Protein backbone atom coordinates (compact mmCIF):
# COMPACT_ATOMS: atom_id res chain seq x y z
CA MET A 1 0.00 0.00 0.00
CA VAL A 2 1.39 3.37 -0.98
CA HIS A 3 0.35 6.31 1.19
CA VAL A 4 -0.05 9.81 -0.27
CA ASP A 5 3.37 10.91 1.02
CA GLY A 6 5.13 7.96 -0.66
CA ASP A 7 5.38 5.71 2.40
CA LEU A 8 5.04 2.05 1.47
CA THR A 9 3.58 -0.54 3.83
CA THR A 10 2.64 -4.19 3.58
CA CYS A 11 -1.08 -3.70 4.06
CA CYS A 12 -3.93 -1.40 3.09
CA LEU A 13 -5.15 -1.54 6.70
CA ASP A 14 -1.83 -0.18 8.02
CA GLU A 15 -2.90 3.44 8.40
CA HIS A 16 -0.32 4.08 11.16
CA LEU A 17 2.59 2.59 9.15
CA GLU A 18 3.37 -0.15 11.67
CA ASN A 19 4.78 -2.29 8.83
CA ARG A 20 6.47 0.55 6.94
CA LEU A 21 8.86 -0.66 4.23
CA GLY A 22 10.25 2.71 3.18
CA ASN A 23 9.37 5.74 1.12
CA LEU A 24 9.18 5.98 -2.66
CA ARG A 25 10.77 9.43 -2.60
CA GLU A 26 13.88 7.91 -1.04
CA HIS A 27 13.99 4.49 -2.76
CA SER A 28 12.66 3.00 -5.97
CA LEU A 29 9.71 0.64 -5.85
CA ALA A 30 12.00 -2.12 -7.13
CA GLU A 31 14.42 -1.56 -4.22
CA LEU A 32 11.62 -1.73 -1.66
CA TRP A 33 9.81 -4.62 -3.39
CA GLU A 34 12.95 -6.77 -3.37
CA GLY A 35 14.44 -5.41 -0.13
CA GLU A 36 15.42 -7.43 2.90
CA THR A 37 12.48 -6.20 5.00
CA ILE A 38 9.77 -7.33 2.57
CA GLN A 39 11.59 -10.60 1.87
CA ARG A 40 11.58 -11.43 5.61
CA TRP A 41 7.91 -10.45 5.76
CA ARG A 42 7.01 -12.64 2.78
CA LEU A 43 8.86 -15.63 4.19
CA ALA A 44 7.12 -15.28 7.56
CA GLN A 45 3.74 -14.99 5.81
CA VAL A 46 4.34 -18.05 3.64
CA GLU A 47 5.51 -20.07 6.64
CA GLY A 48 2.52 -18.96 8.72
CA ARG A 49 4.68 -17.10 11.24
CA PHE A 50 2.40 -14.08 11.42
CA GLU A 51 3.94 -12.93 14.70
CA ASP A 52 7.20 -12.37 12.77
CA SER A 53 5.45 -10.39 10.02
CA GLY A 54 4.83 -7.32 12.10
CA PRO A 55 2.50 -6.04 14.77
CA LEU A 56 -0.62 -6.07 12.61
CA CYS A 57 -0.44 -9.59 11.20
CA THR A 58 -1.30 -11.52 14.37
CA ARG A 59 -4.48 -9.46 14.77
CA CYS A 60 -5.48 -9.72 11.12
CA ASN A 61 -8.54 -11.65 10.00
CA TRP A 62 -7.29 -11.63 6.40
CA GLN A 63 -4.45 -14.12 6.94
CA SER A 64 -6.03 -16.65 4.61
CA ALA A 65 -7.51 -14.19 2.11
CA GLY A 66 -5.94 -14.60 -1.27
CA ALA A 67 -3.83 -17.49 -0.04
CA TYR A 68 -1.37 -18.76 -2.59
CA PRO A 69 -1.94 -22.29 -3.85
CA PRO A 70 0.43 -24.72 -2.07
CA ASP A 71 2.36 -25.61 -5.24
CA LYS A 72 3.07 -21.93 -5.93
CA VAL A 73 4.13 -21.41 -2.32
CA GLN A 74 6.64 -24.25 -2.59
CA ALA A 75 7.97 -22.90 -5.89
CA TRP A 76 8.38 -19.43 -4.34
CA LEU A 77 10.15 -20.92 -1.31
CA ARG A 78 12.60 -22.79 -3.56
CA ARG A 79 13.42 -19.61 -5.49
CA PHE A 80 13.73 -17.63 -2.25
CA ARG A 81 16.08 -20.16 -0.68
CA ASP A 82 18.15 -20.40 -3.86
CA ARG A 83 18.61 -16.63 -3.87
CA HIS A 84 19.12 -16.14 -0.16
CA GLY A 85 20.83 -19.37 0.86
CA SER A 86 18.24 -20.22 3.47
């Protein structure tokens, strides 16, 4: 979610920027989209570790909304681990 001042967060419900990823005036969208912070967030989400995703994720009732199909999750995890050596 991009706020009017360029702040980028992981969620449209994050009006107080608790999961702030950065600002588009300071970094490109590509830098923020592939940055370490969002990669850690994605991995925690995929692994179901919502408590590691940020303060909003454990309280969220949208955890399963738009869930990725299991085969695509596994493919993403393989690519992630190949890139990041995890």
